[in-house]
Amino acid sequence: MAMTKRLRSGSRRLAGMALGVLSFVFPAAFSQAKAEVKSSGAGAQVGEKAQSNIVLQEQLTEFITTSGQGEIVAKPDAMRAELGVEVQAKTLDQAQSELARKMALVTSAIEKLGLEGLTLQTTTLQIYPVHDKPEANRAPRIVGYRAQNTLSITLRLADAQALGGQAAKVIDAAVGAGANVVQGISFFLARPEEAQAKALHLAAVDAERNAKILAASSGVRLLGLHSLDGSQGRLSPIWLDAGIAKASLELKTTVEPGELTITATVTARYHFSNP
């Protein structure tokens, strides 16, 4: 008799544990099953209907996992050019003075354009000796100094259509004033948040559409969303390397920014059940 009581007590504990797990997976099912246990009387085991609910909710832990992609194409509204001046002189003082003089001319020419949203920042300042060719039993000697100063020129515009022409003006002014170092030109969005949000939304819609297709193809019924993971839309600027940028400057051609592509990816998990 004592053993029978212990077995019954253990059964009630197991039933309580099952309901506890069920409440974590699906709280609504837990409440319904718990109510049915109470209705059967204190100490009664889970009835057939409550057990059926548990089995049903266990099926809800099965998922359809899909991914979705979103893509937005936008015209850039900002430009960044990396260019500057390089000089060589016999002495260190001469190199520094010549570099400062030419950089002042370049900076002044750009600022005189009076473009709104234009900023200049020094990114590189280098001065290093120039050596001659070494000879037998003699170390190389310093025969001069080379100095380089590079600017990061950023232009932000609300009108994306005018960006190419404005960028060409900036570069032409710099080269015309003596800039002889061109490291590259890039075009980007000054405020990419809106485009990134749109790409992420399209990715979520695509993931849901793919889940519905999989459910219909498999003959199951798609239920609620379980989880959704996404990465913010990636935005890669349009980059013209030094060779292309320099050729464009030498030919004085119009700079064409082109279009940016912003992409986002989402992974979604949906509950499903048999129809």
Protein backbone atom coordinates (compact mmCIF):
# COMPACT_ATOMS: atom_id res chain seq x y z
CA MET A 1 0.00 0.00 0.00
CA ALA A 2 2.82 2.37 0.84
CA MET A 3 4.46 1.56 -2.50
CA THR A 4 1.20 2.33 -4.32
CA LYS A 5 1.06 5.75 -2.65
CA ARG A 6 4.62 6.48 -3.65
CA LEU A 7 3.93 5.52 -7.26
CA ARG A 8 0.90 7.76 -7.39
CA SER A 9 2.85 10.59 -5.85
CA GLY A 10 5.59 10.13 -8.48
CA SER A 11 3.01 10.14 -11.27
CA ARG A 12 1.60 13.44 -10.03
CA ARG A 13 5.11 14.93 -9.96
CA LEU A 14 5.77 13.79 -13.54
CA ALA A 15 2.46 15.27 -14.66
CA GLY A 16 3.38 18.54 -12.97
CA MET A 17 6.78 18.56 -14.69
CA ALA A 18 5.14 17.97 -18.08
CA LEU A 19 2.78 20.86 -17.53
CA GLY A 20 5.70 23.03 -16.43
CA VAL A 21 7.57 22.31 -19.66
CA LEU A 22 4.40 22.91 -21.64
CA SER A 23 3.92 26.31 -20.01
CA PHE A 24 7.40 27.36 -21.25
CA VAL A 25 6.74 26.21 -24.83
CA PHE A 26 3.15 27.37 -25.14
CA PRO A 27 1.52 29.14 -22.13
CA ALA A 28 -2.05 28.96 -23.51
CA ALA A 29 -1.95 25.17 -23.77
CA PHE A 30 -0.57 24.98 -20.24
CA SER A 31 -3.50 26.97 -18.82
CA GLN A 32 -6.06 24.81 -20.62
CA ALA A 33 -4.45 21.53 -19.59
CA LYS A 34 -4.05 22.72 -16.00
CA ALA A 35 -7.73 23.65 -15.81
CA GLU A 36 -8.70 20.17 -17.00
CA VAL A 37 -6.51 18.54 -14.36
CA LYS A 38 -8.22 20.58 -11.63
CA SER A 39 -11.68 19.69 -12.97
CA SER A 40 -10.93 15.99 -12.56
CA GLY A 41 -10.43 16.42 -8.81
CA ALA A 42 -7.45 16.84 -6.51
CA GLY A 43 -4.74 14.27 -7.13
CA ALA A 44 -6.30 13.00 -10.39
CA GLN A 45 -4.00 12.22 -13.30
CA VAL A 46 -4.09 14.10 -16.58
CA GLY A 47 -7.15 13.09 -18.61
CA GLU A 48 -7.24 12.00 -22.19
CA LYS A 49 -8.24 15.45 -23.45
CA ALA A 50 -5.40 17.18 -21.58
CA GLN A 51 -2.95 14.60 -22.93
CA SER A 52 -4.20 15.28 -26.46
CA ASN A 53 -3.53 18.98 -25.92
CA ILE A 54 0.00 18.22 -24.77
CA VAL A 55 0.65 16.11 -27.87
CA LEU A 56 -0.77 18.86 -30.06
CA GLN A 57 1.45 21.52 -28.52
CA GLU A 58 4.47 19.25 -28.81
CA GLN A 59 3.82 19.25 -32.55
CA LEU A 60 4.01 23.04 -32.47
CA THR A 61 7.67 22.78 -31.53
CA GLU A 62 8.33 21.62 -35.12
CA PHE A 63 9.41 24.43 -37.37
CA ILE A 64 9.74 25.52 -40.96
CA THR A 65 12.95 27.53 -41.27
CA THR A 66 13.33 29.90 -44.20
CA SER A 67 15.51 32.79 -45.25
CA GLY A 68 14.66 35.93 -47.16
CA GLN A 69 16.60 38.62 -48.97
CA GLY A 70 15.81 42.26 -49.58
CA GLU A 71 17.48 44.64 -52.01
CA ILE A 72 17.18 48.39 -52.47
CA VAL A 73 18.82 50.38 -55.28
CA ALA A 74 19.50 54.05 -54.56
CA LYS A 75 21.48 56.90 -56.01
CA PRO A 76 24.33 58.15 -53.78
CA ASP A 77 24.09 61.63 -52.33
CA ALA A 78 27.63 61.96 -50.97
CA MET A 79 31.18 61.76 -52.31
CA ARG A 80 34.60 61.34 -50.74
CA ALA A 81 37.85 61.93 -52.67
CA GLU A 82 41.31 61.14 -51.36
CA LEU A 83 43.85 63.37 -53.09
CA GLY A 84 46.72 65.68 -52.29
CA VAL A 85 50.20 66.91 -53.14
CA GLU A 86 53.64 65.30 -53.26
CA VAL A 87 56.86 67.31 -53.62
CA GLN A 88 60.58 66.62 -53.58
CA ALA A 89 63.38 69.03 -52.63
CA LYS A 90 67.06 68.92 -51.72
CA THR A 91 66.60 69.95 -48.10
CA LEU A 92 64.02 69.16 -45.46
CA ASP A 93 63.04 72.82 -45.04
CA GLN A 94 62.53 73.24 -48.77
CA ALA A 95 60.34 70.14 -48.94
CA GLN A 96 58.19 71.29 -46.02
CA SER A 97 57.82 74.83 -47.36
CA GLU A 98 56.94 73.69 -50.88
CA LEU A 99 54.41 71.17 -49.58
CA ALA A 100 52.73 73.76 -47.36
CA ARG A 101 52.57 76.28 -50.21
CA LYS A 102 50.99 73.88 -52.70
CA MET A 103 48.56 72.43 -50.18
CA ALA A 104 47.39 75.95 -49.31
CA LEU A 105 46.65 76.57 -52.99
CA VAL A 106 44.72 73.30 -53.31
CA THR A 107 42.70 73.91 -50.14
CA SER A 108 41.90 77.49 -51.13
CA ALA A 109 40.76 76.45 -54.62
CA ILE A 110 38.34 73.89 -53.18
CA GLU A 111 36.95 76.21 -50.53
CA LYS A 112 36.38 79.00 -53.09
CA LEU A 113 33.79 76.79 -54.78
CA GLY A 114 31.49 77.64 -51.88
CA LEU A 115 29.72 74.26 -51.94
CA GLU A 116 27.37 73.50 -49.07
CA GLY A 117 28.15 70.31 -47.18
CA LEU A 118 31.85 70.33 -48.14
CA THR A 119 34.45 69.33 -45.53
CA LEU A 120 38.22 68.83 -45.75
CA GLN A 121 40.38 66.77 -43.43
CA THR A 122 44.08 65.88 -43.54
CA THR A 123 44.50 62.11 -43.65
CA THR A 124 48.22 61.69 -44.45
CA LEU A 125 51.31 63.79 -43.83
CA GLN A 126 54.60 62.09 -44.67
CA ILE A 127 58.18 63.33 -45.03
CA TYR A 128 61.00 60.89 -45.74
CA PRO A 129 64.54 61.06 -47.14
CA VAL A 130 65.53 60.13 -50.66
CA HIS A 131 68.77 58.13 -51.00
CA ASP A 132 71.10 57.69 -53.92
CA LYS A 133 72.26 54.33 -55.21
CA PRO A 134 74.75 52.66 -52.87
CA GLU A 135 78.26 52.04 -54.13
CA ALA A 136 80.96 49.61 -53.08
CA ASN A 137 82.25 50.26 -49.55
CA ARG A 138 79.83 53.21 -49.16
CA ALA A 139 76.41 53.45 -47.60
CA PRO A 140 73.66 55.25 -49.53
CA ARG A 141 73.59 59.01 -48.98
CA ILE A 142 70.59 61.31 -48.53
CA VAL A 143 70.20 63.41 -51.65
CA GLY A 144 66.84 65.01 -50.91
CA TYR A 145 63.48 64.75 -49.18
CA ARG A 146 60.05 63.78 -50.39
CA ALA A 147 56.95 65.11 -48.66
CA GLN A 148 53.30 64.18 -49.17
CA ASN A 149 50.05 65.59 -47.78
CA THR A 150 46.70 63.94 -48.54
CA LEU A 151 43.23 65.38 -47.97
CA SER A 152 39.94 63.60 -47.48
CA ILE A 153 37.39 65.78 -49.28
CA THR A 154 33.79 64.96 -48.40
CA LEU A 155 30.77 66.41 -50.15
CA ARG A 156 27.24 65.73 -48.90
CA LEU A 157 24.26 66.79 -51.01
CA ALA A 158 20.50 66.42 -50.71
CA ASP A 159 20.17 66.41 -54.52
CA ALA A 160 21.65 63.13 -55.75
CA GLN A 161 21.25 64.21 -59.40
CA ALA A 162 23.76 67.04 -58.94
CA LEU A 163 26.39 64.98 -57.14
CA GLY A 164 28.40 63.97 -60.22
CA GLY A 165 28.75 67.53 -61.48
CA GLN A 166 29.65 68.88 -58.04
CA ALA A 167 32.22 66.13 -57.51
CA ALA A 168 33.83 66.98 -60.88
CA LYS A 169 34.09 70.64 -59.85
CA VAL A 170 35.85 69.74 -56.61
CA ILE A 171 38.34 67.45 -58.32
CA ASP A 172 39.02 69.82 -61.20
CA ALA A 173 39.66 72.67 -58.76
CA ALA A 174 42.09 70.56 -56.72
CA VAL A 175 44.03 69.26 -59.72
CA GLY A 176 44.09 72.69 -61.30
CA ALA A 177 45.64 74.12 -58.14
CA GLY A 178 48.44 71.55 -58.08
CA ALA A 179 47.10 68.28 -56.62
CA ASN A 180 49.14 65.43 -58.11
CA VAL A 181 48.20 62.51 -55.85
CA VAL A 182 44.90 60.72 -56.45
CA GLN A 183 44.15 57.74 -54.23
CA GLY A 184 40.53 57.20 -55.19
CA ILE A 185 36.96 58.48 -55.17
CA SER A 186 33.96 56.88 -53.46
CA PHE A 187 30.22 57.60 -53.57
CA PHE A 188 27.84 56.68 -50.74
CA LEU A 189 24.63 57.61 -48.90
CA ALA A 190 25.00 60.30 -46.25
CA ARG A 191 22.07 58.83 -44.27
CA PRO A 192 21.71 55.15 -45.17
CA GLU A 193 19.31 54.21 -42.35
CA GLU A 194 16.10 54.55 -44.39
CA ALA A 195 17.40 52.43 -47.28
CA GLN A 196 18.71 49.79 -44.85
CA ALA A 197 15.32 49.61 -43.09
CA LYS A 198 13.52 49.14 -46.42
CA ALA A 199 15.88 46.33 -47.43
CA LEU A 200 15.34 44.61 -44.07
CA HIS A 201 11.55 44.88 -44.45
CA LEU A 202 11.68 43.32 -47.92
CA ALA A 203 13.84 40.50 -46.54
CA ALA A 204 11.26 39.72 -43.82
CA VAL A 205 8.42 39.70 -46.38
CA ASP A 206 10.46 37.38 -48.60
CA ALA A 207 11.12 34.98 -45.71
CA GLU A 208 7.37 34.77 -44.94
CA ARG A 209 6.54 34.17 -48.62
CA ASN A 210 9.09 31.36 -48.79
CA ALA A 211 7.66 29.76 -45.64
CA LYS A 212 4.15 29.77 -47.13
CA ILE A 213 5.44 28.16 -50.32
CA LEU A 214 7.21 25.42 -48.34
CA ALA A 215 4.12 24.77 -46.20
CA ALA A 216 1.84 24.54 -49.23
CA SER A 217 4.27 22.26 -51.06
CA SER A 218 4.54 19.95 -48.03
CA GLY A 219 0.81 19.80 -47.34
CA VAL A 220 1.03 21.31 -43.86
CA ARG A 221 -0.58 24.35 -42.28
CA LEU A 222 1.59 27.32 -41.40
CA LEU A 223 0.97 28.68 -37.91
CA GLY A 224 2.54 31.57 -36.00
CA LEU A 225 6.01 33.06 -36.25
CA HIS A 226 8.45 31.63 -33.69
CA SER A 227 11.60 33.68 -34.28
CA LEU A 228 13.05 36.16 -36.72
CA ASP A 229 16.73 37.01 -37.09
CA GLY A 230 18.04 39.59 -39.52
CA SER A 231 21.12 41.55 -40.36
CA GLN A 232 20.95 45.23 -41.18
CA GLY A 233 21.22 46.08 -44.83
CA ARG A 234 24.80 46.13 -46.07
CA LEU A 235 25.88 49.23 -47.89
CA SER A 236 29.02 49.15 -49.99
CA PRO A 237 30.14 52.50 -51.45
CA ILE A 238 30.92 52.85 -55.13
CA TRP A 239 34.70 53.03 -55.30
CA LEU A 240 36.87 54.28 -58.16
CA ASP A 241 40.44 53.18 -57.55
CA ALA A 242 43.43 55.41 -58.04
CA GLY A 243 44.04 54.36 -61.67
CA ILE A 244 40.46 54.97 -62.83
CA ALA A 245 40.15 58.15 -60.82
CA LYS A 246 43.41 59.57 -62.18
CA ALA A 247 42.44 58.75 -65.75
CA SER A 248 39.10 60.51 -65.25
CA LEU A 249 40.89 63.59 -63.94
CA GLU A 250 43.44 63.71 -66.75
CA LEU A 251 40.69 63.41 -69.37
CA LYS A 252 38.49 65.88 -67.48
CA THR A 253 35.50 63.65 -68.00
CA THR A 254 32.27 64.00 -66.06
CA VAL A 255 32.22 61.91 -62.90
CA GLU A 256 29.19 59.56 -62.90
CA PRO A 257 28.34 58.22 -59.42
CA GLY A 258 26.15 55.33 -60.61
CA GLU A 259 23.80 53.48 -58.21
CA LEU A 260 24.20 51.81 -54.83
CA THR A 261 22.76 48.43 -53.90
CA ILE A 262 21.73 47.85 -50.28
CA THR A 263 21.02 44.23 -49.28
CA ALA A 264 19.65 42.59 -46.13
CA THR A 265 19.12 38.95 -45.05
CA VAL A 266 16.56 37.48 -42.65
CA THR A 267 16.13 33.97 -41.18
CA ALA A 268 12.65 33.06 -39.92
CA ARG A 269 11.17 30.06 -38.07
CA TYR A 270 7.43 29.29 -38.25
CA HIS A 271 5.34 26.75 -36.38
CA PHE A 272 3.40 24.32 -38.54
CA SER A 273 0.91 21.50 -38.10
CA ASN A 274 -0.84 18.89 -40.19
CA PRO A 275 -4.06 20.17 -41.80
